C-alpha atoms as a PDB file:
ATOM      1  CA  MET A   1     -38.354  -5.857  35.951  1.00  0.00           C
ATOM      2  CA  PRO A   2     -38.821  -9.627  36.491  1.00  0.00           C
ATOM      3  CA  THR A   3     -38.891 -11.157  39.938  1.00  0.00           C
ATOM      4  CA  MET A   4     -36.441 -13.780  41.168  1.00  0.00           C
ATOM      5  CA  ASN A   5     -38.999 -16.579  40.772  1.00  0.00           C
ATOM      6  CA  GLN A   6     -39.691 -15.535  37.203  1.00  0.00           C
ATOM      7  CA  LEU A   7     -35.964 -15.583  36.407  1.00  0.00           C
ATOM      8  CA  VAL A   8     -35.675 -19.046  37.983  1.00  0.00           C
ATOM      9  CA  ARG A   9     -38.547 -20.394  35.892  1.00  0.00           C
ATOM     10  CA  LYS A  10     -37.320 -18.776  32.679  1.00  0.00           C
ATOM     11  CA  GLY A  11     -33.852 -17.295  32.652  1.00  0.00           C
ATOM     12  CA  ARG A  12     -32.556 -14.533  30.463  1.00  0.00           C
ATOM     13  CA  GLU A  13     -31.569 -15.357  26.896  1.00  0.00           C
ATOM     14  CA  SER A  14     -28.377 -13.840  25.557  1.00  0.00           C
ATOM     15  CA  LYS A  15     -28.598 -11.920  22.313  1.00  0.00           C
ATOM     16  CA  ARG A  16     -27.505 -13.778  19.228  1.00  0.00           C
ATOM     17  CA  ARG A  17     -24.713 -11.961  17.461  1.00  0.00           C
ATOM     18  CA  THR A  18     -25.220 -11.988  13.723  1.00  0.00           C
ATOM     19  CA  LYS A  19     -22.041 -12.401  11.695  1.00  0.00           C
ATOM     20  CA  ARG A  20     -21.537  -9.915   8.905  1.00  0.00           C
ATOM     21  CA  THR A  21     -19.664 -12.359   6.661  1.00  0.00           C
ATOM     22  CA  ARG A  22     -21.897 -15.397   6.805  1.00  0.00           C
ATOM     23  CA  ALA A  23     -21.316 -16.158   3.126  1.00  0.00           C
ATOM     24  CA  LEU A  24     -17.690 -17.104   3.868  1.00  0.00           C
ATOM     25  CA  ASN A  25     -18.756 -19.998   6.132  1.00  0.00           C
ATOM     26  CA  LYS A  26     -16.284 -19.047   8.901  1.00  0.00           C
ATOM     27  CA  CYS A  27     -13.382 -18.954   6.431  1.00  0.00           C
ATOM     28  CA  PRO A  28     -10.942 -16.033   6.257  1.00  0.00           C
ATOM     29  CA  GLN A  29     -11.128 -15.929   2.444  1.00  0.00           C
ATOM     30  CA  LYS A  30     -13.124 -17.551  -0.306  1.00  0.00           C
ATOM     31  CA  GLN A  31     -12.524 -17.897  -4.019  1.00  0.00           C
ATOM     32  CA  GLY A  32     -15.198 -16.891  -6.469  1.00  0.00           C
ATOM     33  CA  VAL A  33     -16.047 -15.956 -10.048  1.00  0.00           C
ATOM     34  CA  CYS A  34     -17.233 -12.507 -11.107  1.00  0.00           C
ATOM     35  CA  LEU A  35     -20.745 -12.488 -12.517  1.00  0.00           C
ATOM     36  CA  ARG A  36     -20.916  -8.743 -13.135  1.00  0.00           C
ATOM     37  CA  VAL A  37     -18.570  -5.789 -12.663  1.00  0.00           C
ATOM     38  CA  SER A  38     -20.158  -2.372 -12.262  1.00  0.00           C
ATOM     39  CA  THR A  39     -20.101   0.870 -10.286  1.00  0.00           C
ATOM     40  CA  ARG A  40     -22.310   2.212  -7.541  1.00  0.00           C
ATOM     41  CA  SER A  41     -22.696   5.671  -6.027  1.00  0.00           C
ATOM     42  CA  PRO A  42     -22.158   5.974  -2.251  1.00  0.00           C
ATOM     43  CA  LYS A  43     -24.672   7.345   0.201  1.00  0.00           C
ATOM     44  CA  LYS A  44     -24.713  10.935   1.404  1.00  0.00           C
ATOM     45  CA  PRO A  45     -22.690  13.040   1.888  1.00  0.00           C
ATOM     46  CA  ASN A  46     -20.096  11.261  -0.292  1.00  0.00           C
ATOM     47  CA  SER A  47     -20.143  11.366  -4.068  1.00  0.00           C
ATOM     48  CA  ALA A  48     -18.176   8.995  -6.290  1.00  0.00           C
ATOM     49  CA  LEU A  49     -18.421   5.882  -8.445  1.00  0.00           C
ATOM     50  CA  ARG A  50     -17.303   2.919  -6.350  1.00  0.00           C
ATOM     51  CA  LYS A  51     -16.205  -0.181  -8.275  1.00  0.00           C
ATOM     52  CA  ILE A  52     -18.021  -3.326  -7.200  1.00  0.00           C
ATOM     53  CA  ALA A  53     -18.358  -6.880  -8.467  1.00  0.00           C
ATOM     54  CA  LYS A  54     -21.045  -9.479  -8.018  1.00  0.00           C
ATOM     55  CA  VAL A  55     -19.235 -12.709  -7.156  1.00  0.00           C
ATOM     56  CA  ARG A  56     -20.370 -16.320  -6.942  1.00  0.00           C
ATOM     57  CA  LEU A  57     -18.265 -18.085  -4.329  1.00  0.00           C
ATOM     58  CA  THR A  58     -17.214 -21.726  -4.362  1.00  0.00           C
ATOM     59  CA  ASN A  59     -19.974 -22.490  -1.856  1.00  0.00           C
ATOM     60  CA  ARG A  60     -22.486 -21.077  -4.404  1.00  0.00           C
ATOM     61  CA  ASN A  61     -23.264 -17.991  -2.360  1.00  0.00           C
ATOM     62  CA  GLU A  62     -23.590 -14.807  -4.391  1.00  0.00           C
ATOM     63  CA  ILE A  63     -22.247 -11.626  -2.813  1.00  0.00           C
ATOM     64  CA  ILE A  64     -21.312  -8.063  -3.760  1.00  0.00           C
ATOM     65  CA  ALA A  65     -17.625  -7.274  -3.183  1.00  0.00           C
ATOM     66  CA  TYR A  66     -15.809  -3.962  -3.324  1.00  0.00           C
ATOM     67  CA  ILE A  67     -12.763  -3.547  -5.588  1.00  0.00           C
ATOM     68  CA  PRO A  68     -10.231  -1.356  -3.720  1.00  0.00           C
ATOM     69  CA  GLY A  69      -7.641   0.938  -5.267  1.00  0.00           C
ATOM     70  CA  GLU A  70      -7.407   3.015  -8.412  1.00  0.00           C
ATOM     71  CA  GLY A  71      -8.266   1.106 -11.573  1.00  0.00           C
ATOM     72  CA  HIS A  72      -8.705  -2.627 -12.019  1.00  0.00           C
ATOM     73  CA  ASN A  73      -8.664  -5.308 -14.702  1.00  0.00           C
ATOM     74  CA  LEU A  74     -11.650  -7.359 -13.555  1.00  0.00           C
ATOM     75  CA  GLN A  75     -14.377  -8.407 -15.932  1.00  0.00           C
ATOM     76  CA  GLU A  76     -16.985 -11.113 -16.200  1.00  0.00           C
ATOM     77  CA  HIS A  77     -15.666 -14.630 -15.436  1.00  0.00           C
ATOM     78  CA  SER A  78     -12.590 -13.265 -13.611  1.00  0.00           C
ATOM     79  CA  VAL A  79     -11.455 -15.390 -10.658  1.00  0.00           C
ATOM     80  CA  VAL A  80     -11.047 -13.420  -7.426  1.00  0.00           C
ATOM     81  CA  MET A  81     -10.260 -14.030  -3.768  1.00  0.00           C
ATOM     82  CA  VAL A  82     -12.716 -12.383  -1.382  1.00  0.00           C
ATOM     83  CA  ARG A  83     -12.246 -11.415   2.266  1.00  0.00           C
ATOM     84  CA  GLY A  84     -14.551  -9.847   4.811  1.00  0.00           C
ATOM     85  CA  GLY A  85     -14.707  -6.092   5.260  1.00  0.00           C
ATOM     86  CA  ARG A  86     -17.527  -3.633   4.793  1.00  0.00           C
ATOM     87  CA  VAL A  87     -17.535  -0.322   2.957  1.00  0.00           C
ATOM     88  CA  GLN A  88     -18.892   2.463   5.115  1.00  0.00           C
ATOM     89  CA  ASP A  89     -20.660   4.430   2.396  1.00  0.00           C
ATOM     90  CA  LEU A  90     -21.968   1.471   0.352  1.00  0.00           C
ATOM     91  CA  PRO A  91     -24.950  -0.238   1.996  1.00  0.00           C
ATOM     92  CA  GLY A  92     -24.981  -3.993   1.483  1.00  0.00           C
ATOM     93  CA  VAL A  93     -21.311  -4.275   0.462  1.00  0.00           C
ATOM     94  CA  LYS A  94     -19.654  -6.357   3.196  1.00  0.00           C
ATOM     95  CA  TYR A  95     -16.762  -7.971   1.325  1.00  0.00           C
ATOM     96  CA  HIS A  96     -13.523  -6.884  -0.336  1.00  0.00           C
ATOM     97  CA  CYS A  97     -11.664  -8.323  -3.316  1.00  0.00           C
ATOM     98  CA  ILE A  98      -7.988  -9.008  -2.580  1.00  0.00           C
ATOM     99  CA  ARG A  99      -5.648  -7.288  -5.036  1.00  0.00           C
ATOM    100  CA  GLY A 100      -2.627  -9.185  -6.347  1.00  0.00           C
ATOM    101  CA  VAL A 101      -4.210 -12.639  -5.836  1.00  0.00           C
ATOM    102  CA  LYS A 102      -5.740 -14.649  -8.698  1.00  0.00           C
ATOM    103  CA  ASP A 103      -6.865 -12.405 -11.588  1.00  0.00           C
ATOM    104  CA  PRO A 104      -6.896  -8.932  -9.942  1.00  0.00           C
ATOM    105  CA  GLN A 105      -3.601  -7.189 -10.570  1.00  0.00           C
ATOM    106  CA  GLY A 106      -1.833  -5.085  -7.978  1.00  0.00           C
ATOM    107  CA  ILE A 107      -1.601  -1.327  -8.285  1.00  0.00           C
ATOM    108  CA  PRO A 108       1.752  -0.414  -9.896  1.00  0.00           C
ATOM    109  CA  GLY A 109       3.879   2.393  -8.540  1.00  0.00           C
ATOM    110  CA  ARG A 110       2.695   2.350  -4.932  1.00  0.00           C
ATOM    111  CA  ARG A 111       5.360   2.889  -2.279  1.00  0.00           C
ATOM    112  CA  ARG A 112       3.229   2.789   0.857  1.00  0.00           C
ATOM    113  CA  GLY A 113       0.472   0.412   1.824  1.00  0.00           C
ATOM    114  CA  ARG A 114       1.632  -2.078  -0.804  1.00  0.00           C
ATOM    115  CA  SER A 115       0.289  -5.098   1.060  1.00  0.00           C
ATOM    116  CA  LYS A 116      -3.248  -3.712   0.863  1.00  0.00           C
ATOM    117  CA  TYR A 117      -3.134  -3.309  -2.899  1.00  0.00           C
ATOM    118  CA  GLY A 118      -0.973  -6.234  -4.032  1.00  0.00           C
ATOM    119  CA  THR A 119       1.989  -4.146  -5.171  1.00  0.00           C
ATOM    120  CA  LYS A 120       5.306  -5.979  -5.483  1.00  0.00           C
ATOM    121  CA  LYS A 121       8.345  -4.546  -3.734  1.00  0.00           C
ATOM    122  CA  PRO A 122      10.251  -2.400  -6.267  1.00  0.00           C
ATOM    123  CA  LYS A 123      13.817  -3.417  -7.009  1.00  0.00           C
ATOM    124  CA  ASP A 124      15.213   0.097  -6.619  1.00  0.00           C
ATOM    125  CA  TYR A 125      13.774   0.586  -3.110  1.00  0.00           C
ATOM    126  CA  ILE A 126      16.436  -0.206  -0.527  1.00  0.00           C
ATOM    127  CA  ARG A 127      17.234   0.899   3.018  1.00  0.00           C
ATOM    128  CA  ILE A 128      20.627   2.439   3.704  1.00  0.00           C
ATOM    129  CA  TYR A 129      22.132   3.512   7.026  1.00  0.00           C
ATOM    130  CA  PRO A 130      24.592   6.425   6.599  1.00  0.00           C
ATOM    131  CA  LYS A 131      27.588   7.144   8.807  1.00  0.00           C
ATOM    132  CA  ASN A 132      25.519   8.922  11.447  1.00  0.00           C
ATOM    133  CA  ARG A 133      23.310   5.794  11.727  1.00  0.00           C
ATOM    134  CA  ILE A 134      20.088   7.682  11.006  1.00  0.00           C
ATOM    135  CA  PRO A 135      17.768   5.281   9.098  1.00  0.00           C
ATOM    136  CA  THR A 136      17.020   6.928   5.763  1.00  0.00           C
ATOM    137  CA  VAL A 137      15.323   5.465   2.705  1.00  0.00           C
ATOM    138  CA  PHE A 138      16.713   6.341  -0.694  1.00  0.00           C
ATOM    139  CA  SER A 139      15.515   5.329  -4.146  1.00  0.00           C
ATOM    140  CA  VAL A 140      18.673   4.310  -5.991  1.00  0.00           C
ATOM    141  CA  HIS A 141      18.964   2.968  -9.544  1.00  0.00           C
ATOM    142  CA  LEU A 142      21.869   0.547  -9.258  1.00  0.00           C
ATOM    143  CA  PRO A 143      24.187  -0.446 -12.131  1.00  0.00           C
ATOM    144  CA  ILE A 144      23.548  -3.668 -14.033  1.00  0.00           C
ATOM    145  CA  GLY A 145      24.808  -6.682 -12.087  1.00  0.00           C
ATOM    146  CA  PHE A 146      25.133  -4.683  -8.861  1.00  0.00           C
ATOM    147  CA  THR A 147      22.729  -6.071  -6.270  1.00  0.00           C
ATOM    148  CA  HIS A 148      21.220  -4.324  -3.274  1.00  0.00           C
ATOM    149  CA  GLN A 149      23.166  -6.592  -0.917  1.00  0.00           C
ATOM    150  CA  ASP A 150      26.423  -5.516  -2.583  1.00  0.00           C
ATOM    151  CA  PHE A 151      25.466  -1.882  -2.198  1.00  0.00           C
ATOM    152  CA  GLN A 152      24.496  -2.284   1.467  1.00  0.00           C
ATOM    153  CA  ARG A 153      27.657  -4.270   2.253  1.00  0.00           C
ATOM    154  CA  GLY A 154      29.898  -1.853   0.413  1.00  0.00           C
ATOM    155  CA  TRP A 155      28.230   1.136   2.016  1.00  0.00           C
ATOM    156  CA  GLU A 156      28.756  -0.196   5.533  1.00  0.00           C
ATOM    157  CA  ARG A 157      32.375  -1.221   4.878  1.00  0.00           C
ATOM    158  CA  LYS A 158      33.113   1.895   2.775  1.00  0.00           C
ATOM    159  CA  GLU A 159      34.168  -0.368  -0.110  1.00  0.00           C
ATOM    160  CA  ILE A 160      31.845   0.937  -2.835  1.00  0.00           C
ATOM    161  CA  ASP A 161      33.968   1.068  -5.986  1.00  0.00           C
ATOM    162  CA  PHE A 162      32.708   3.358  -8.725  1.00  0.00           C
ATOM    163  CA  VAL A 163      34.479   4.563 -11.867  1.00  0.00           C
ATOM    164  CA  ALA A 164      36.991   7.402 -11.608  1.00  0.00           C
ATOM    165  CA  GLU A 165      34.577  10.165 -12.557  1.00  0.00           C
ATOM    166  CA  GLN A 166      32.043   8.996 -10.010  1.00  0.00           C
ATOM    167  CA  LYS A 167      34.727   8.855  -7.324  1.00  0.00           C
ATOM    168  CA  ALA A 168      35.712  12.410  -8.161  1.00  0.00           C
ATOM    169  CA  PHE A 169      32.087  13.423  -8.057  1.00  0.00           C
ATOM    170  CA  MET A 170      31.686  11.834  -4.634  1.00  0.00           C
ATOM    171  CA  ARG A 171      34.760  13.725  -3.406  1.00  0.00           C
ATOM    172  CA  PHE A 172      34.208  17.194  -4.839  1.00  0.00           C
ATOM    173  CA  ALA A 173      30.518  17.497  -5.688  1.00  0.00           C
ATOM    174  CA  TYR A 174      28.896  17.238  -2.276  1.00  0.00           C
ATOM    175  CA  PRO A 175      25.793  19.455  -2.379  1.00  0.00           C
ATOM    176  CA  THR A 176      25.707  22.052   0.375  1.00  0.00           C
ATOM    177  CA  VAL A 177      22.392  23.770  -0.399  1.00  0.00           C
ATOM    178  CA  ASP A 178      19.039  22.629  -1.663  1.00  0.00           C
ATOM    179  CA  ILE A 179      15.695  24.186  -2.568  1.00  0.00           C
ATOM    180  CA  TYR A 180      13.051  24.070   0.143  1.00  0.00           C
ATOM    181  CA  ALA A 181       9.385  24.900  -0.435  1.00  0.00           C
ATOM    182  CA  THR A 182       7.824  27.078   2.263  1.00  0.00           C
ATOM    183  CA  PRO A 183       4.112  27.989   2.339  1.00  0.00           C
ATOM    184  CA  TRP A 184       3.642  31.756   2.606  1.00  0.00           C
ATOM    185  CA  LYS A 185       0.278  33.571   2.417  1.00  0.00           C
ATOM    186  CA  GLY A 186      -1.316  30.822   0.363  1.00  0.00           C
ATOM    187  CA  PHE A 187       1.627  30.494  -2.022  1.00  0.00           C
ATOM    188  CA  CYS A 188       4.558  28.083  -2.151  1.00  0.00           C
ATOM    189  CA  HIS A 189       7.751  30.106  -1.716  1.00  0.00           C
ATOM    190  CA  GLN A 190      11.036  28.385  -2.656  1.00  0.00           C
ATOM    191  CA  ASP A 191      14.249  29.212  -0.781  1.00  0.00           C
ATOM    192  CA  LEU A 192      17.816  27.955  -0.726  1.00  0.00           C
ATOM    193  CA  GLY A 193      18.890  26.404   2.539  1.00  0.00           C
ATOM    194  CA  ALA A 194      21.829  24.477   3.955  1.00  0.00           C
ATOM    195  CA  VAL A 195      21.515  20.696   4.030  1.00  0.00           C
ATOM    196  CA  GLY A 196      22.617  18.235   6.680  1.00  0.00           C
ATOM    197  CA  GLN A 197      24.982  15.303   6.374  1.00  0.00           C
ATOM    198  CA  ALA A 198      22.299  12.661   5.762  1.00  0.00           C
ATOM    199  CA  HIS A 199      20.643  14.795   3.089  1.00  0.00           C
ATOM    200  CA  THR A 200      24.038  15.500   1.491  1.00  0.00           C
ATOM    201  CA  ILE A 201      24.806  11.784   1.226  1.00  0.00           C
ATOM    202  CA  ALA A 202      21.357  11.112  -0.195  1.00  0.00           C
ATOM    203  CA  GLN A 203      21.691  13.792  -2.865  1.00  0.00           C
ATOM    204  CA  THR A 204      25.161  12.573  -3.829  1.00  0.00           C
ATOM    205  CA  ILE A 205      24.028   8.961  -4.190  1.00  0.00           C
ATOM    206  CA  TRP A 206      21.053  10.099  -6.230  1.00  0.00           C
ATOM    207  CA  ALA A 207      23.285  12.138  -8.538  1.00  0.00           C
ATOM    208  CA  ILE A 208      25.937   9.479  -9.196  1.00  0.00           C
ATOM    209  CA  SER A 209      23.333   6.783  -9.765  1.00  0.00           C
ATOM    210  CA  GLY A 210      21.814   8.536 -12.770  1.00  0.00           C
ATOM    211  CA  GLY A 211      19.366  10.935 -11.166  1.00  0.00           C
ATOM    212  CA  ALA A 212      21.224  14.116 -12.116  1.00  0.00           C
END
């Protein structure tokens, strides 16, 4: 423990915090070119083949970046955008490639976490508010020339105009029961159960829009 005179003569020096992403030069992202694309096994106790790429940035720093998501189209000379972010089970990998920007393609078919993997918003994914005002998300395949705005507007104003058979289906073919999967003693047991109003509307829309 130093004395007061010692602290006066030579004060305490604060610790220097080392930045983990020094290669980015204080930038949020940097563009680079892939020099090599390969795989690496993680440290214990995990076991896999993580996809990584050696990238030369525009400031001529060479780093190792992780390629997130399932599958990729990167190869040598591919142009990528790199951000900071370490991988817990890969020592020395402190950067991430950004999917959906430059050459890396987004992961098709994702519904959740699309912004992390560069997936475009699907055209058949819309948000509808039924009569009971419970927010429910349905996946509806709309007719040709029928936009999502038209569907939303018509649904709220009750002005959706379908062909005669579809109107009859909407009137008389409301589903009242559905199959529910229930876990029982390690098995998945399926039972018939009554459905609520929101689920009934969802099933009807799904059926008349080509799902049945």
